[in-house]
Amino acid sequence: MRARACIKCREYIVIHPDSPINQLEIKKFEKKHLRHTIMTVDLNEIKGVYDPFKNNGEEKPKL
């Protein structure tokens, strides 16, 4: 499984390529970390070291 990870903030979001909701969440993640270094990695490389991305209590996007 792959994830997008911010090196500066040590946060990640799991990539689900077939989920349109996940794609919107990834865009929010990338917008929040716009000027940071973001990489795509295998989840097992960062699990336990980085924290999962939280949407700060926002509602799930509606399609």
N, C-alpha and C. Protein backbone atom coordinates (compact mmCIF):
# COMPACT_ATOMS: atom_id res chain seq x y z
N MET A 1 0.84 -1.16 0.00
CA MET A 1 0.00 0.00 0.00
C MET A 1 0.90 1.24 0.00
N ARG A 2 0.49 2.25 -0.73
CA ARG A 2 1.29 3.47 -0.88
C ARG A 2 0.66 4.62 -0.09
N ALA A 3 1.48 5.62 0.21
CA ALA A 3 1.01 6.79 0.95
C ALA A 3 1.76 8.03 0.49
N ARG A 4 1.13 9.19 0.68
CA ARG A 4 1.79 10.47 0.47
C ARG A 4 2.21 10.93 1.85
N ALA A 5 3.45 11.40 1.98
CA ALA A 5 3.98 11.78 3.29
C ALA A 5 4.68 13.13 3.22
N CYS A 6 4.47 13.95 4.25
CA CYS A 6 5.16 15.23 4.38
C CYS A 6 6.36 15.02 5.30
N ILE A 7 7.53 15.30 4.78
CA ILE A 7 8.75 15.10 5.55
C ILE A 7 8.84 16.08 6.72
N LYS A 8 8.45 17.34 6.49
CA LYS A 8 8.56 18.36 7.53
C LYS A 8 7.63 18.09 8.71
N CYS A 9 6.36 17.80 8.42
CA CYS A 9 5.35 17.62 9.48
C CYS A 9 5.25 16.19 9.98
N ARG A 10 5.85 15.27 9.25
CA ARG A 10 5.81 13.85 9.60
C ARG A 10 4.37 13.33 9.67
N GLU A 11 3.59 13.69 8.65
CA GLU A 11 2.22 13.21 8.50
C GLU A 11 2.11 12.46 7.18
N TYR A 12 1.13 11.56 7.10
CA TYR A 12 0.91 10.83 5.86
C TYR A 12 -0.57 10.61 5.62
N ILE A 13 -0.90 10.31 4.37
CA ILE A 13 -2.25 9.91 4.00
C ILE A 13 -2.13 8.72 3.05
N VAL A 14 -2.93 7.71 3.30
CA VAL A 14 -2.91 6.49 2.48
C VAL A 14 -3.56 6.79 1.13
N ILE A 15 -3.01 6.22 0.07
CA ILE A 15 -3.53 6.41 -1.29
C ILE A 15 -4.44 5.24 -1.65
N HIS A 16 -5.68 5.57 -1.99
CA HIS A 16 -6.65 4.60 -2.52
C HIS A 16 -7.02 5.10 -3.91
N PRO A 17 -6.35 4.67 -4.96
CA PRO A 17 -6.53 5.26 -6.29
C PRO A 17 -7.93 5.13 -6.88
N ASP A 18 -8.73 4.19 -6.42
CA ASP A 18 -10.07 4.00 -6.97
C ASP A 18 -11.14 4.76 -6.21
N SER A 19 -10.77 5.51 -5.18
CA SER A 19 -11.74 6.21 -4.35
C SER A 19 -11.72 7.72 -4.64
N PRO A 20 -12.80 8.26 -5.19
CA PRO A 20 -12.84 9.71 -5.45
C PRO A 20 -12.79 10.53 -4.16
N ILE A 21 -13.34 10.00 -3.07
CA ILE A 21 -13.29 10.71 -1.79
C ILE A 21 -11.84 10.79 -1.31
N ASN A 22 -11.10 9.70 -1.43
CA ASN A 22 -9.70 9.69 -1.04
C ASN A 22 -8.89 10.67 -1.88
N GLN A 23 -9.21 10.79 -3.15
CA GLN A 23 -8.51 11.73 -4.01
C GLN A 23 -8.71 13.17 -3.53
N LEU A 24 -9.92 13.49 -3.06
CA LEU A 24 -10.18 14.82 -2.50
C LEU A 24 -9.41 15.03 -1.21
N GLU A 25 -9.32 13.99 -0.39
CA GLU A 25 -8.56 14.08 0.86
C GLU A 25 -7.07 14.29 0.56
N ILE A 26 -6.56 13.64 -0.46
CA ILE A 26 -5.16 13.82 -0.85
C ILE A 26 -4.91 15.25 -1.29
N LYS A 27 -5.85 15.83 -2.03
CA LYS A 27 -5.71 17.23 -2.46
C LYS A 27 -5.67 18.16 -1.24
N LYS A 28 -6.50 17.90 -0.23
CA LYS A 28 -6.47 18.70 1.00
C LYS A 28 -5.13 18.54 1.71
N PHE A 29 -4.62 17.31 1.76
CA PHE A 29 -3.32 17.04 2.38
C PHE A 29 -2.23 17.82 1.66
N GLU A 30 -2.23 17.77 0.33
CA GLU A 30 -1.20 18.46 -0.44
C GLU A 30 -1.34 19.98 -0.33
N LYS A 31 -2.56 20.47 -0.21
CA LYS A 31 -2.77 21.91 -0.04
C LYS A 31 -2.24 22.37 1.31
N LYS A 32 -2.49 21.58 2.36
CA LYS A 32 -2.00 21.92 3.70
C LYS A 32 -0.47 21.94 3.74
N HIS A 33 0.16 21.05 2.99
CA HIS A 33 1.62 20.91 3.00
C HIS A 33 2.24 21.48 1.72
N LEU A 34 1.64 22.52 1.19
CA LEU A 34 2.01 23.07 -0.12
C LEU A 34 3.49 23.39 -0.27
N ARG A 35 4.09 24.03 0.67
CA ARG A 35 5.49 24.44 0.56
C ARG A 35 6.46 23.46 1.25
N HIS A 36 5.96 22.31 1.63
CA HIS A 36 6.79 21.29 2.27
C HIS A 36 7.20 20.23 1.25
N THR A 37 8.16 19.43 1.62
CA THR A 37 8.57 18.32 0.76
C THR A 37 7.65 17.13 1.00
N ILE A 38 6.96 16.72 -0.07
CA ILE A 38 6.03 15.60 0.00
C ILE A 38 6.57 14.48 -0.88
N MET A 39 6.46 13.25 -0.38
CA MET A 39 6.94 12.10 -1.15
C MET A 39 5.90 11.00 -1.15
N THR A 40 5.98 10.12 -2.12
CA THR A 40 5.14 8.93 -2.18
C THR A 40 6.00 7.75 -1.76
N VAL A 41 5.52 7.01 -0.75
CA VAL A 41 6.31 5.90 -0.18
C VAL A 41 5.41 4.72 0.10
N ASP A 42 6.02 3.58 0.36
CA ASP A 42 5.26 2.43 0.85
C ASP A 42 4.87 2.71 2.30
N LEU A 43 3.65 2.35 2.65
CA LEU A 43 3.14 2.63 3.99
C LEU A 43 3.99 2.01 5.08
N ASN A 44 4.52 0.81 4.83
CA ASN A 44 5.32 0.14 5.87
C ASN A 44 6.63 0.87 6.17
N GLU A 45 7.09 1.77 5.28
CA GLU A 45 8.31 2.54 5.52
C GLU A 45 8.11 3.63 6.57
N ILE A 46 6.89 4.15 6.70
CA ILE A 46 6.65 5.28 7.58
C ILE A 46 5.70 4.98 8.74
N LYS A 47 5.02 3.84 8.68
CA LYS A 47 4.06 3.47 9.73
C LYS A 47 4.78 3.42 11.08
N GLY A 48 4.24 4.09 12.06
CA GLY A 48 4.84 4.13 13.39
C GLY A 48 5.82 5.27 13.58
N VAL A 49 6.31 5.83 12.48
CA VAL A 49 7.24 6.96 12.55
C VAL A 49 6.50 8.26 12.26
N TYR A 50 5.63 8.24 11.26
CA TYR A 50 4.83 9.39 10.88
C TYR A 50 3.42 9.22 11.43
N ASP A 51 2.70 10.34 11.59
CA ASP A 51 1.33 10.32 12.08
C ASP A 51 0.35 10.37 10.90
N PRO A 52 -0.81 9.71 11.02
CA PRO A 52 -1.80 9.80 9.95
C PRO A 52 -2.40 11.21 9.88
N PHE A 53 -2.72 11.64 8.67
CA PHE A 53 -3.31 12.96 8.44
C PHE A 53 -4.72 12.99 9.00
N LYS A 54 -5.02 14.02 9.77
CA LYS A 54 -6.36 14.21 10.31
C LYS A 54 -6.94 15.45 9.64
N ASN A 55 -8.21 15.39 9.34
CA ASN A 55 -8.87 16.46 8.61
C ASN A 55 -9.35 17.57 9.53
N ASN A 56 -8.88 17.64 10.75
CA ASN A 56 -9.21 18.67 11.74
C ASN A 56 -10.71 18.82 11.96
N GLY A 57 -11.42 17.71 12.00
CA GLY A 57 -12.84 17.73 12.31
C GLY A 57 -13.75 18.19 11.19
N GLU A 58 -13.20 18.40 10.00
CA GLU A 58 -14.04 18.80 8.88
C GLU A 58 -14.89 17.64 8.43
N GLU A 59 -16.01 17.96 7.82
CA GLU A 59 -16.87 16.91 7.29
C GLU A 59 -16.20 16.24 6.11
N LYS A 60 -16.61 15.01 5.87
CA LYS A 60 -16.14 14.30 4.68
C LYS A 60 -16.66 15.02 3.45
N PRO A 61 -15.90 15.09 2.38
CA PRO A 61 -16.38 15.75 1.17
C PRO A 61 -17.56 15.02 0.55
N LYS A 62 -18.47 15.78 -0.01
CA LYS A 62 -19.64 15.20 -0.66
C LYS A 62 -19.42 15.18 -2.15
N LEU A 63 -19.85 14.12 -2.78
CA LEU A 63 -19.69 13.99 -4.23
C LEU A 63 -20.93 14.45 -4.95
